[in-house]
């Protein structure tokens, strides 16, 4: 945070509902201090019914830029003056940049954030490899867009709701001629026991679960985009849940990379179980840091962002500093 907030301090922030749990203020204010920018980054609650008024008001105050998080990433698409090609393709915006002519430019840095650890880490090259994505929501769209960029041979997307899965695949149609994109839908009731009721992916043992296990046995990368296993202030058992059951976990090859977009807790139950199988793993914290750094580049026009300071601030906020 700047040494002193004064009349010249500019505002950046994140819009969401709820948003007070966000790590973004800690990591962005650490970067702003390093850069010597007289800006402050705040978490800004925005109820859905007031989103348009909030955007208009922040534009009028000279806000330098905004991040957008749940539940506004799709809703904000229709409220901006301009969309980047990527945001238009995904139908989702996570970064807003003020336009010289007025209004907001909506873009998306989630893809860049997701890809950063896959490109810089020891896991590639990815050309010709196979991936399986758990879930078919908004986060999965950014993940699939990123995986297409890596040059994979095939991507399977698993979801329990056939209609939602079909709509997801329709959205992704034509993204790549070289990469085969397939859906894997299965029914059945959520498994009882540690996964609890309402887990969106885990099914009771049977043909559907078996087909997912078979798919998992043949891939090089698994990405969890569902919230199953995320810590919850209102549900103490949430962090103990896993999006995969015992049959599916047993199918993982030891060399398969398991990437969970969840970063609270660290590690998630999925990553604990994957590590027990000998699988390398990634959580979503680096994605959060890198998408934030990309947003800050858009707002500031600077190419060099203190990513290490952002990462350390996020870790400290999580109690790992």
Foldseek 3Di string as FASTA:
>chain_A
DAPDQDPPEAEEEEEEVVFPLDLLQLLVVLQCVVVVHSYHYDYDYDDPVCVLVVQVVSVVVVHLKYFYDPPCFQVCVVNFPEEDPQCVLLSGFGIWGADPVGGTYGYFLLLVLVCVCVVPDPQDQAAAFEEEEEDQDSSVSSVVLNSVVSHYQEYEYEWADVVSQVVSVVSCPPSDPRYHYYYQYDYAAADDDLQHHDLGAHHDDDDSLVVLLVVQLRGQEYEYPDQQLADDPVDRSRVRHDNHDPSNLVSHALRREYEYLHPVPVVGNNVVSSVVNNYHYHYNLSSVLSSSQVSVCSSPVDPDTPSVSSSVSSCVSNVND
